[in-house]
Amino acid sequence: MKGYNQSIIVFGVALAWWLAVPIVTAIIIGNFFDQQFNIKPWGLVFAISFAFLVSNAGIIRQGLKLMKRLEQEDALKKDLMKKDNHESK
């Protein structure tokens, strides 16, 4: 159970990173483009839209990694349980 909880915590930290970093970066870059090229609010709108896509891709990628890791852990536990059952007979 400890490994499972650790995986969830790592996933939570990665999720927070994939949500916060692209959005903060988009706000900074979007405001820069708005001021530099006098296109307010379109630079910010496009930057945040792009950040939304990047965030979604990162979250999906992290979720797939977590699912794969948890499936591997479950398969390993099942193999150990089968091995223990065969040894006790």
C-alpha atoms as a PDB file:
ATOM      1  CA  MET A   1       0.000   0.000   0.000  1.00  0.00           C
ATOM      2  CA  LYS A   2       2.935   2.301   0.602  1.00  0.00           C
ATOM      3  CA  GLY A   3       4.000   2.177  -3.064  1.00  0.00           C
ATOM      4  CA  TYR A   4       0.439   2.950  -4.136  1.00  0.00           C
ATOM      5  CA  ASN A   5       0.258   6.026  -1.916  1.00  0.00           C
ATOM      6  CA  GLN A   6       3.656   7.163  -3.134  1.00  0.00           C
ATOM      7  CA  SER A   7       2.512   6.857  -6.751  1.00  0.00           C
ATOM      8  CA  ILE A   8      -0.572   8.933  -6.009  1.00  0.00           C
ATOM      9  CA  ILE A   9       1.494  11.655  -4.303  1.00  0.00           C
ATOM     10  CA  VAL A  10       3.926  11.797  -7.218  1.00  0.00           C
ATOM     11  CA  PHE A  11       0.964  11.995  -9.599  1.00  0.00           C
ATOM     12  CA  GLY A  12      -0.534  14.845  -7.567  1.00  0.00           C
ATOM     13  CA  VAL A  13       2.696  16.837  -7.677  1.00  0.00           C
ATOM     14  CA  ALA A  14       3.047  16.227 -11.422  1.00  0.00           C
ATOM     15  CA  LEU A  15      -0.581  17.238 -11.940  1.00  0.00           C
ATOM     16  CA  ALA A  16      -0.040  20.490 -10.049  1.00  0.00           C
ATOM     17  CA  TRP A  17       3.066  21.173 -12.118  1.00  0.00           C
ATOM     18  CA  TRP A  18       1.230  20.514 -15.394  1.00  0.00           C
ATOM     19  CA  LEU A  19      -1.544  22.880 -14.333  1.00  0.00           C
ATOM     20  CA  ALA A  20       0.466  25.738 -12.857  1.00  0.00           C
ATOM     21  CA  VAL A  21       3.602  26.099 -14.968  1.00  0.00           C
ATOM     22  CA  PRO A  22       2.015  26.320 -18.435  1.00  0.00           C
ATOM     23  CA  ILE A  23      -0.653  28.776 -17.255  1.00  0.00           C
ATOM     24  CA  VAL A  24       1.791  31.069 -15.445  1.00  0.00           C
ATOM     25  CA  THR A  25       4.151  30.942 -18.435  1.00  0.00           C
ATOM     26  CA  ALA A  26       1.244  31.715 -20.782  1.00  0.00           C
ATOM     27  CA  ILE A  27       0.205  34.731 -18.733  1.00  0.00           C
ATOM     28  CA  ILE A  28       3.722  36.142 -18.798  1.00  0.00           C
ATOM     29  CA  ILE A  29       4.259  35.480 -22.525  1.00  0.00           C
ATOM     30  CA  GLY A  30       0.723  36.579 -23.462  1.00  0.00           C
ATOM     31  CA  ASN A  31       1.063  39.889 -21.636  1.00  0.00           C
ATOM     32  CA  PHE A  32       4.467  40.427 -23.243  1.00  0.00           C
ATOM     33  CA  PHE A  33       3.032  39.912 -26.739  1.00  0.00           C
ATOM     34  CA  ASP A  34       0.037  42.125 -25.934  1.00  0.00           C
ATOM     35  CA  GLN A  35       2.322  44.989 -24.894  1.00  0.00           C
ATOM     36  CA  GLN A  36       4.988  44.428 -27.539  1.00  0.00           C
ATOM     37  CA  PHE A  37       2.677  44.179 -30.546  1.00  0.00           C
ATOM     38  CA  ASN A  38      -0.336  46.123 -29.203  1.00  0.00           C
ATOM     39  CA  ILE A  39      -2.737  43.225 -29.824  1.00  0.00           C
ATOM     40  CA  LYS A  40      -4.457  43.217 -26.445  1.00  0.00           C
ATOM     41  CA  PRO A  41      -6.138  40.777 -25.457  1.00  0.00           C
ATOM     42  CA  TRP A  42      -5.350  38.331 -28.278  1.00  0.00           C
ATOM     43  CA  GLY A  43      -1.790  37.495 -27.234  1.00  0.00           C
ATOM     44  CA  LEU A  44      -3.007  36.445 -23.812  1.00  0.00           C
ATOM     45  CA  VAL A  45      -5.985  34.545 -25.234  1.00  0.00           C
ATOM     46  CA  PHE A  46      -3.839  32.549 -27.647  1.00  0.00           C
ATOM     47  CA  ALA A  47      -1.127  31.905 -25.058  1.00  0.00           C
ATOM     48  CA  ILE A  48      -3.635  30.617 -22.494  1.00  0.00           C
ATOM     49  CA  SER A  49      -5.341  28.473 -25.147  1.00  0.00           C
ATOM     50  CA  PHE A  50      -2.006  26.929 -26.063  1.00  0.00           C
ATOM     51  CA  ALA A  51      -1.191  26.414 -22.360  1.00  0.00           C
ATOM     52  CA  PHE A  52      -4.528  24.651 -21.924  1.00  0.00           C
ATOM     53  CA  LEU A  53      -3.606  22.196 -24.683  1.00  0.00           C
ATOM     54  CA  VAL A  54      -0.133  21.642 -23.239  1.00  0.00           C
ATOM     55  CA  SER A  55      -1.586  21.088 -19.758  1.00  0.00           C
ATOM     56  CA  ASN A  56      -4.102  18.561 -21.028  1.00  0.00           C
ATOM     57  CA  ALA A  57      -1.449  16.648 -22.954  1.00  0.00           C
ATOM     58  CA  GLY A  58       0.816  16.549 -19.888  1.00  0.00           C
ATOM     59  CA  ILE A  59      -1.967  15.432 -17.564  1.00  0.00           C
ATOM     60  CA  ILE A  60      -3.006  12.659 -19.945  1.00  0.00           C
ATOM     61  CA  ARG A  61       0.608  11.529 -20.284  1.00  0.00           C
ATOM     62  CA  GLN A  62       1.089  11.454 -16.505  1.00  0.00           C
ATOM     63  CA  GLY A  63      -2.197   9.605 -16.015  1.00  0.00           C
ATOM     64  CA  LEU A  64      -1.209   6.927 -18.531  1.00  0.00           C
ATOM     65  CA  LYS A  65       2.169   6.504 -16.812  1.00  0.00           C
ATOM     66  CA  LEU A  66       0.464   6.119 -13.439  1.00  0.00           C
ATOM     67  CA  MET A  67      -2.022   3.572 -14.777  1.00  0.00           C
ATOM     68  CA  LYS A  68       0.779   1.537 -16.339  1.00  0.00           C
ATOM     69  CA  ARG A  69       2.814   1.616 -13.113  1.00  0.00           C
ATOM     70  CA  LEU A  70      -0.172   0.577 -10.993  1.00  0.00           C
ATOM     71  CA  GLU A  71      -1.018  -2.263 -13.385  1.00  0.00           C
ATOM     72  CA  GLN A  72       2.573  -3.508 -13.156  1.00  0.00           C
ATOM     73  CA  GLU A  73       2.468  -3.355  -9.352  1.00  0.00           C
ATOM     74  CA  ASP A  74      -0.831  -5.272  -9.304  1.00  0.00           C
ATOM     75  CA  ALA A  75       0.538  -7.924 -11.658  1.00  0.00           C
ATOM     76  CA  LEU A  76       3.622  -8.314  -9.453  1.00  0.00           C
ATOM     77  CA  LYS A  77       1.454  -8.683  -6.338  1.00  0.00           C
ATOM     78  CA  LYS A  78      -0.695 -11.311  -8.046  1.00  0.00           C
ATOM     79  CA  ASP A  79       2.395 -13.240  -9.118  1.00  0.00           C
ATOM     80  CA  LEU A  80       3.747 -13.151  -5.553  1.00  0.00           C
ATOM     81  CA  MET A  81       0.424 -14.332  -4.159  1.00  0.00           C
ATOM     82  CA  LYS A  82       0.306 -17.239  -6.643  1.00  0.00           C
ATOM     83  CA  LYS A  83       3.870 -18.153  -5.762  1.00  0.00           C
ATOM     84  CA  ASP A  84       3.075 -18.113  -2.031  1.00  0.00           C
ATOM     85  CA  ASN A  85      -0.003 -20.291  -2.584  1.00  0.00           C
ATOM     86  CA  HIS A  86       2.001 -22.863  -4.562  1.00  0.00           C
ATOM     87  CA  GLU A  87       4.758 -22.999  -1.940  1.00  0.00           C
ATOM     88  CA  SER A  88       2.321 -23.548   0.927  1.00  0.00           C
ATOM     89  CA  LYS A  89       0.686 -26.570  -0.777  1.00  0.00           C
END
